[in-house]
N, C-alpha and C. Protein backbone atom coordinates (compact mmCIF):
# COMPACT_ATOMS: atom_id res chain seq x y z
N MET A 1 6.86 20.47 -7.55
CA MET A 1 8.08 19.75 -7.01
C MET A 1 8.21 18.38 -7.12
N SER A 2 9.39 17.91 -7.57
CA SER A 2 9.46 16.64 -8.28
C SER A 2 9.61 15.17 -6.81
N LYS A 3 9.55 14.18 -6.86
CA LYS A 3 9.78 13.32 -5.90
C LYS A 3 10.29 11.91 -6.48
N LEU A 4 11.56 11.77 -5.61
CA LEU A 4 12.21 10.84 -6.22
C LEU A 4 11.28 9.14 -6.01
N ILE A 5 10.57 9.15 -4.99
CA ILE A 5 9.73 7.71 -4.59
C ILE A 5 8.43 8.61 -4.79
N SER A 6 7.19 7.86 -5.19
CA SER A 6 5.98 8.53 -5.15
C SER A 6 5.05 7.29 -5.19
N MET A 7 4.07 7.60 -4.53
CA MET A 7 2.91 6.82 -4.83
C MET A 7 1.36 7.07 -5.01
N SER A 8 0.43 6.38 -5.42
CA SER A 8 -0.54 7.06 -5.56
C SER A 8 -1.50 7.38 -4.46
N GLU A 9 -2.49 8.19 -4.50
CA GLU A 9 -3.44 8.30 -4.10
C GLU A 9 -3.97 7.29 -3.17
N ALA A 10 -4.42 6.22 -4.30
CA ALA A 10 -5.18 5.09 -3.45
C ALA A 10 -4.39 4.06 -2.97
N VAL A 11 -2.85 3.98 -3.06
CA VAL A 11 -1.89 3.19 -2.19
C VAL A 11 -1.98 3.95 -0.91
N SER A 12 -1.87 5.24 -1.06
CA SER A 12 -1.67 5.80 0.40
C SER A 12 -3.06 5.35 1.09
N ILE A 13 -4.34 5.63 0.57
CA ILE A 13 -5.47 5.66 1.46
C ILE A 13 -5.32 4.12 1.86
N GLY A 14 -5.04 3.23 1.08
CA GLY A 14 -5.09 1.51 1.32
C GLY A 14 -4.08 1.31 2.42
N LEU A 15 -3.01 1.94 2.30
CA LEU A 15 -2.06 1.39 3.55
C LEU A 15 -2.49 1.90 5.00
N HIS A 16 -2.79 3.54 4.70
CA HIS A 16 -3.31 4.13 5.69
C HIS A 16 -4.75 3.59 6.36
N GLY A 17 -5.42 3.20 5.69
CA GLY A 17 -6.83 2.61 6.35
C GLY A 17 -6.43 1.48 6.69
N MET A 18 -5.56 0.10 6.00
CA MET A 18 -5.24 -0.67 6.77
C MET A 18 -4.62 -0.90 8.00
N VAL A 19 -3.45 0.14 8.09
CA VAL A 19 -3.27 0.67 9.46
C VAL A 19 -4.36 0.80 10.50
N LEU A 20 -4.75 1.17 10.07
CA LEU A 20 -6.10 2.26 10.77
C LEU A 20 -6.99 0.90 11.61
N LEU A 21 -7.01 0.01 10.36
CA LEU A 21 -7.84 -1.29 10.97
C LEU A 21 -6.79 -2.27 11.95
N ALA A 22 -5.68 -2.33 11.87
CA ALA A 22 -5.03 -3.26 12.61
C ALA A 22 -5.00 -2.79 13.83
N LYS A 23 -4.89 -1.35 13.89
CA LYS A 23 -4.72 -0.56 15.39
C LYS A 23 -6.13 -0.57 15.91
N GLN A 24 -7.33 -1.17 15.33
CA GLN A 24 -8.67 -1.19 15.72
C GLN A 24 -8.65 -2.73 16.76
N GLY A 25 -7.76 -3.53 16.15
CA GLY A 25 -7.31 -4.71 16.89
C GLY A 25 -8.73 -5.61 17.32
N GLY A 26 -9.61 -5.86 16.40
CA GLY A 26 -10.67 -6.63 16.54
C GLY A 26 -11.68 -6.31 17.38
N LYS A 27 -11.52 -5.06 17.72
CA LYS A 27 -12.62 -4.29 18.60
C LYS A 27 -14.10 -3.53 17.96
N GLY A 28 -14.17 -3.98 16.59
CA GLY A 28 -15.31 -3.56 15.49
C GLY A 28 -14.74 -2.85 14.48
N SER A 29 -15.56 -2.54 13.84
CA SER A 29 -15.16 -2.04 12.11
C SER A 29 -14.90 -0.66 12.38
N ILE A 30 -14.55 -0.48 11.09
CA ILE A 30 -14.31 1.12 10.82
C ILE A 30 -15.04 1.32 9.63
N ASN A 31 -15.72 2.33 9.66
CA ASN A 31 -16.34 2.64 8.23
C ASN A 31 -15.45 3.54 7.30
N VAL A 32 -16.28 3.82 6.03
CA VAL A 32 -15.62 4.34 5.11
C VAL A 32 -15.72 6.10 5.83
N GLN A 33 -16.25 6.22 6.30
CA GLN A 33 -16.20 8.10 6.51
C GLN A 33 -15.41 8.04 7.66
N ASP A 34 -15.13 7.37 8.69
CA ASP A 34 -13.93 7.40 9.55
C ASP A 34 -12.54 7.28 8.83
N ILE A 35 -12.30 6.35 7.68
CA ILE A 35 -11.06 6.33 7.15
C ILE A 35 -10.83 7.37 6.11
N ALA A 36 -12.02 7.52 5.74
CA ALA A 36 -11.90 9.14 4.99
C ALA A 36 -11.37 10.15 5.88
N SER A 37 -12.16 10.55 6.80
CA SER A 37 -11.40 11.79 7.60
C SER A 37 -10.27 11.24 8.10
N ALA A 38 -9.77 10.17 8.33
CA ALA A 38 -8.50 9.88 8.97
C ALA A 38 -7.39 10.48 7.79
N THR A 39 -7.67 10.06 6.63
CA THR A 39 -6.85 9.97 5.57
C THR A 39 -7.38 11.31 4.68
N GLN A 40 -7.94 12.14 4.96
CA GLN A 40 -8.40 13.26 4.35
C GLN A 40 -8.79 13.25 2.77
N SER A 41 -9.70 12.32 2.47
CA SER A 41 -9.76 11.45 1.24
C SER A 41 -10.99 11.60 1.22
N SER A 42 -11.49 11.53 -0.35
CA SER A 42 -12.74 11.87 -0.38
C SER A 42 -13.40 10.38 -0.14
N ARG A 43 -14.67 10.38 0.23
CA ARG A 43 -15.23 9.06 0.71
C ARG A 43 -15.39 7.95 -0.45
N HIS A 44 -16.07 8.36 -1.46
CA HIS A 44 -16.14 7.56 -2.57
C HIS A 44 -14.82 6.88 -2.90
N HIS A 45 -13.59 7.52 -3.01
CA HIS A 45 -12.59 7.02 -3.52
C HIS A 45 -11.95 6.06 -2.32
N VAL A 46 -12.04 6.37 -1.06
CA VAL A 46 -12.00 5.39 0.24
C VAL A 46 -13.02 4.27 -0.22
N ALA A 47 -14.10 4.35 -0.35
CA ALA A 47 -15.06 2.78 -0.57
C ALA A 47 -14.54 2.20 -1.99
N LYS A 48 -13.68 2.69 -2.53
CA LYS A 48 -13.47 2.19 -3.91
C LYS A 48 -12.21 1.17 -3.54
N ILE A 49 -11.39 1.73 -2.87
CA ILE A 49 -10.25 1.13 -2.44
C ILE A 49 -10.34 -0.03 -1.50
N MET A 50 -11.25 0.17 -0.19
CA MET A 50 -11.57 -0.62 0.71
C MET A 50 -11.93 -1.80 0.05
N GLN A 51 -13.02 -1.69 -0.81
CA GLN A 51 -13.70 -2.78 -1.61
C GLN A 51 -12.65 -3.68 -2.37
N ARG A 52 -11.94 -2.91 -3.05
CA ARG A 52 -10.59 -3.81 -3.86
C ARG A 52 -10.02 -4.73 -2.48
N LEU A 53 -9.52 -4.21 -1.69
CA LEU A 53 -9.05 -5.10 -0.65
C LEU A 53 -9.87 -5.99 -0.04
N ALA A 54 -11.06 -5.64 0.22
CA ALA A 54 -12.20 -6.84 0.33
C ALA A 54 -11.69 -7.98 -0.42
N LYS A 55 -12.01 -7.83 -2.10
CA LYS A 55 -11.93 -8.43 -2.99
C LYS A 55 -11.01 -9.10 -3.02
N GLU A 56 -9.68 -8.96 -2.52
CA GLU A 56 -8.16 -9.47 -2.52
C GLU A 56 -8.36 -10.52 -1.37
N GLY A 57 -9.19 -10.65 -0.13
CA GLY A 57 -9.45 -11.30 0.98
C GLY A 57 -8.67 -10.49 1.98
N PHE A 58 -8.38 -9.50 1.89
CA PHE A 58 -7.47 -8.93 3.27
C PHE A 58 -8.57 -8.22 4.29
N LEU A 59 -9.55 -8.06 3.91
CA LEU A 59 -10.59 -7.42 4.58
C LEU A 59 -12.16 -8.27 4.77
N LEU A 60 -13.03 -7.86 5.35
CA LEU A 60 -14.54 -8.32 5.93
C LEU A 60 -15.48 -7.19 5.51
N SER A 61 -16.11 -6.80 4.74
CA SER A 61 -16.89 -5.99 4.62
C SER A 61 -18.44 -6.41 5.52
N GLN A 62 -18.75 -5.30 6.17
CA GLN A 62 -19.97 -5.70 6.94
C GLN A 62 -21.22 -4.67 6.27
N ARG A 63 -22.25 -4.65 5.45
CA ARG A 63 -23.06 -3.30 5.46
C ARG A 63 -24.09 -2.96 6.33
N GLY A 64 -24.50 -1.78 6.13
CA GLY A 64 -25.55 -1.26 7.42
C GLY A 64 -24.93 -0.05 8.14
N PRO A 65 -26.02 0.36 8.71
CA PRO A 65 -25.47 1.54 9.46
C PRO A 65 -24.57 1.38 10.18
N THR A 66 -24.59 0.61 11.33
CA THR A 66 -23.24 0.08 11.85
C THR A 66 -22.25 -0.97 11.40
N GLY A 67 -22.48 -0.48 9.86
CA GLY A 67 -21.26 -1.71 9.18
C GLY A 67 -20.06 -1.05 8.88
N GLY A 68 -19.03 -1.50 8.31
CA GLY A 68 -17.56 -1.08 7.88
C GLY A 68 -16.67 -2.27 7.63
N PHE A 69 -15.42 -2.08 7.81
CA PHE A 69 -14.37 -2.90 7.31
C PHE A 69 -13.72 -3.77 8.61
N ILE A 70 -13.19 -4.92 8.78
CA ILE A 70 -12.43 -5.44 9.82
C ILE A 70 -11.30 -6.21 9.06
N LEU A 71 -10.30 -6.60 9.62
CA LEU A 71 -9.41 -7.25 9.03
C LEU A 71 -9.58 -9.05 8.70
N ASN A 72 -9.49 -9.28 7.68
CA ASN A 72 -9.57 -10.76 7.55
C ASN A 72 -8.27 -11.65 7.84
N LYS A 73 -7.22 -11.22 8.18
CA LYS A 73 -6.14 -11.89 8.31
C LYS A 73 -5.45 -11.17 9.55
N LYS A 74 -4.25 -11.97 10.24
CA LYS A 74 -4.05 -11.51 11.52
C LYS A 74 -2.95 -10.02 10.77
N PRO A 75 -2.46 -8.94 11.20
CA PRO A 75 -1.84 -7.73 11.03
C PRO A 75 -0.37 -8.30 10.52
N SER A 76 -0.09 -9.69 11.17
CA SER A 76 1.31 -10.06 11.02
C SER A 76 1.57 -10.74 9.80
N ALA A 77 0.49 -10.99 9.10
CA ALA A 77 0.20 -11.49 7.89
C ALA A 77 0.26 -10.98 6.80
N ILE A 78 -0.13 -9.60 7.10
CA ILE A 78 -0.27 -8.49 5.80
C ILE A 78 1.05 -7.57 5.28
N THR A 79 1.54 -7.49 4.58
CA THR A 79 2.62 -6.90 4.24
C THR A 79 2.04 -5.58 3.64
N LEU A 80 2.91 -4.73 3.79
CA LEU A 80 2.76 -2.95 3.05
C LEU A 80 2.60 -3.65 0.97
N LEU A 81 3.77 -4.67 1.27
CA LEU A 81 3.62 -4.82 -0.41
C LEU A 81 2.58 -5.27 -1.07
N ASP A 82 1.89 -6.47 0.18
CA ASP A 82 0.86 -7.25 -0.53
C ASP A 82 -0.35 -6.06 -0.89
N ILE A 83 -0.41 -5.03 0.22
CA ILE A 83 -1.41 -4.02 -0.14
C ILE A 83 -1.26 -3.08 -1.45
N TRP A 84 -0.05 -2.70 -1.71
CA TRP A 84 0.34 -1.87 -2.78
C TRP A 84 0.04 -2.78 -4.04
N GLU A 85 0.51 -4.15 -4.14
CA GLU A 85 0.24 -4.92 -5.65
C GLU A 85 -1.36 -4.84 -5.21
N ALA A 86 -1.95 -5.24 -4.30
CA ALA A 86 -3.68 -5.65 -4.39
C ALA A 86 -3.91 -4.25 -5.23
N ILE A 87 -3.42 -3.07 -4.85
CA ILE A 87 -4.07 -1.73 -5.37
C ILE A 87 -3.55 -1.51 -6.88
N GLU A 88 -2.18 -1.58 -7.06
CA GLU A 88 -1.88 -0.94 -8.02
C GLU A 88 -1.04 -2.41 -8.92
N GLY A 89 -1.18 -3.40 -9.06
CA GLY A 89 -0.36 -4.70 -9.44
C GLY A 89 1.15 -4.57 -9.08
N LYS A 90 1.58 -5.70 -9.59
CA LYS A 90 2.90 -6.45 -9.15
C LYS A 90 3.86 -4.90 -9.45
N LEU A 91 4.56 -4.88 -8.38
CA LEU A 91 5.71 -3.93 -8.08
C LEU A 91 6.99 -4.20 -9.12
N VAL A 92 7.51 -3.48 -10.12
CA VAL A 92 7.97 -4.02 -10.70
C VAL A 92 9.63 -3.11 -10.59
N ILE A 93 10.83 -3.71 -10.03
CA ILE A 93 12.08 -3.20 -10.10
C ILE A 93 12.69 -2.86 -11.52
N ASN A 94 13.11 -1.71 -11.74
CA ASN A 94 13.84 -1.65 -13.05
C ASN A 94 14.91 -0.53 -13.09
N SER A 95 15.98 -0.62 -13.63
CA SER A 95 17.47 -0.17 -13.15
C SER A 95 17.86 0.97 -13.91
N CYS A 96 16.74 1.34 -15.00
CA CYS A 96 16.58 2.65 -15.68
C CYS A 96 15.25 3.70 -15.19
N PRO A 97 15.64 4.67 -14.62
CA PRO A 97 14.58 5.55 -14.06
C PRO A 97 13.59 5.99 -15.34
N LEU A 98 14.00 5.80 -16.47
CA LEU A 98 13.12 6.40 -17.66
C LEU A 98 12.07 4.93 -18.37
N ASP A 99 12.64 3.87 -17.51
CA ASP A 99 12.18 2.55 -18.09
C ASP A 99 12.62 2.28 -19.75
N LYS A 100 13.95 2.63 -19.98
CA LYS A 100 14.29 2.49 -21.30
C LYS A 100 14.93 0.91 -21.08
N ASP A 101 15.44 0.38 -22.30
CA ASP A 101 16.11 -0.98 -22.37
C ASP A 101 17.54 -0.35 -22.36
N LYS A 102 18.38 -1.22 -21.70
CA LYS A 102 20.07 -1.19 -21.95
C LYS A 102 20.22 -0.71 -23.54
N LYS A 103 19.50 -1.77 -24.28
CA LYS A 103 20.19 -1.89 -25.63
C LYS A 103 19.68 -0.64 -26.34
N ILE A 104 18.42 0.11 -26.01
CA ILE A 104 18.08 1.41 -26.43
C ILE A 104 19.06 2.69 -25.94
N CYS A 105 19.19 2.99 -24.81
CA CYS A 105 19.89 3.82 -24.42
C CYS A 105 21.17 4.04 -25.18
N SER A 106 21.47 5.58 -25.60
CA SER A 106 21.96 6.04 -26.30
C SER A 106 23.65 6.03 -25.88
N PHE A 107 23.52 6.12 -24.10
CA PHE A 107 24.94 6.30 -23.65
C PHE A 107 25.64 4.86 -23.13
N GLY A 108 24.84 3.56 -23.35
CA GLY A 108 25.36 2.84 -23.11
C GLY A 108 25.14 2.40 -21.55
N ASN A 109 26.10 2.91 -20.97
CA ASN A 109 26.11 3.11 -19.40
C ASN A 109 24.95 4.07 -18.67
N CYS A 110 24.31 3.78 -18.09
CA CYS A 110 23.39 4.55 -17.26
C CYS A 110 23.95 5.97 -16.61
N ILE A 111 23.62 7.01 -16.99
CA ILE A 111 24.37 8.18 -16.52
C ILE A 111 23.57 8.20 -14.89
N MET A 112 22.72 7.27 -14.42
CA MET A 112 22.16 7.40 -13.00
C MET A 112 23.19 6.06 -12.29
N ASP A 113 23.91 5.38 -13.34
CA ASP A 113 24.81 4.22 -12.58
C ASP A 113 23.91 3.06 -11.99
N THR A 114 24.02 2.54 -11.09
CA THR A 114 22.91 1.68 -10.63
C THR A 114 21.94 2.16 -8.96
N ILE A 115 22.04 3.55 -8.89
CA ILE A 115 21.42 4.01 -7.96
C ILE A 115 19.69 3.97 -8.18
N ALA A 116 18.97 4.28 -9.20
CA ALA A 116 17.60 3.94 -9.35
C ALA A 116 17.37 2.29 -8.82
N LEU A 117 18.56 1.40 -9.40
CA LEU A 117 18.24 0.00 -9.23
C LEU A 117 17.95 -0.08 -7.56
N ARG A 118 19.15 0.26 -7.04
CA ARG A 118 19.25 0.15 -5.61
C ARG A 118 18.02 0.68 -4.75
N ILE A 119 17.67 1.89 -4.98
CA ILE A 119 17.01 2.51 -4.36
C ILE A 119 15.47 1.87 -4.42
N SER A 120 15.24 1.87 -5.81
CA SER A 120 14.01 0.87 -5.92
C SER A 120 13.89 -0.82 -5.34
N GLY A 121 14.96 -1.32 -5.36
CA GLY A 121 14.93 -2.48 -4.71
C GLY A 121 15.26 -2.58 -3.07
N GLN A 122 15.70 -1.87 -2.66
CA GLN A 122 15.79 -1.34 -0.97
C GLN A 122 13.97 -0.59 -0.67
N PHE A 123 13.19 0.17 -1.33
CA PHE A 123 12.10 0.38 -1.08
C PHE A 123 11.16 -0.72 -1.21
N LYS A 124 10.93 -1.82 -2.08
CA LYS A 124 10.19 -3.01 -2.27
C LYS A 124 10.40 -3.90 -1.27
N GLU A 125 12.00 -3.91 -0.97
CA GLU A 125 12.40 -4.78 0.56
C GLU A 125 11.31 -4.13 1.72
N TYR A 126 11.87 -2.73 2.10
CA TYR A 126 10.91 -2.53 2.61
C TYR A 126 9.11 -2.63 2.77
N LEU A 127 8.81 -2.64 2.10
CA LEU A 127 7.35 -3.14 1.75
C LEU A 127 7.20 -4.38 2.22
N GLN A 128 8.22 -5.40 1.53
CA GLN A 128 7.92 -6.53 1.57
C GLN A 128 7.92 -7.25 3.18
N ASN A 129 9.11 -6.50 3.41
CA ASN A 129 9.57 -6.77 5.37
C ASN A 129 8.41 -5.96 6.46
N THR A 130 7.87 -5.01 5.78
CA THR A 130 7.09 -4.60 7.11
C THR A 130 5.32 -5.06 6.76
N THR A 131 5.29 -5.20 8.13
CA THR A 131 3.83 -5.81 8.06
C THR A 131 3.05 -4.83 8.88
N LEU A 132 1.72 -4.91 8.50
CA LEU A 132 0.87 -4.22 9.67
C LEU A 132 1.06 -4.20 11.23
N ALA A 133 1.55 -5.44 11.50
CA ALA A 133 2.01 -5.47 13.02
C ALA A 133 2.99 -4.86 13.26
N SER A 134 3.79 -4.28 12.24
CA SER A 134 5.20 -3.12 12.74
C SER A 134 4.57 -1.88 13.19
N PHE A 135 3.07 -1.70 12.92
CA PHE A 135 2.77 -0.39 13.50
C PHE A 135 1.64 -0.42 14.80
N LEU A 136 2.11 -1.54 15.61
CA LEU A 136 1.09 -1.73 16.79
C LEU A 136 2.11 -1.69 17.79
N LYS A 137 1.18 -1.47 18.81
CA LYS A 137 2.19 -1.44 20.06
C LYS A 137 2.94 -2.98 20.61
N ASN A 138 1.90 -3.47 20.55
CA ASN A 138 1.84 -5.04 20.77
C ASN A 138 1.77 -5.90 19.87
N ALA A 139 2.88 -6.15 18.75
CA ALA A 139 3.04 -6.74 17.36
C ALA A 139 2.19 -7.95 17.83
N ASP A 140 1.62 -8.65 17.26
CA ASP A 140 1.15 -10.18 17.46
C ASP A 140 2.26 -11.31 16.96
């Protein structure tokens, strides 16, 4: 089955893990196993993604049997785009779904018109305007 918009498993783990941490509300840490269970992901993959987010300054990592991760910033200061780009790199908006240059396209005008550009722009805007606080009952 094809998808119009897709995201990597790494981004999905990062986004969901960060929302879980935001919902924790400073009431302690969440460990890799808890995030792996909640996201139905490999413990090893979760650890790798969360360490990357810690390296980018979004999380603090605590070692040991009672260790885990806590947010290093307020949920209102972290956008979904911040998380996406920390994991995947800069999100680029391109007008061609096939990443072709207009000069190379043999049709002159894209047969998809500007729909790819509009959808990509709206998707990026959503990520940019949505913070972790959006998923909390009492946003800070």
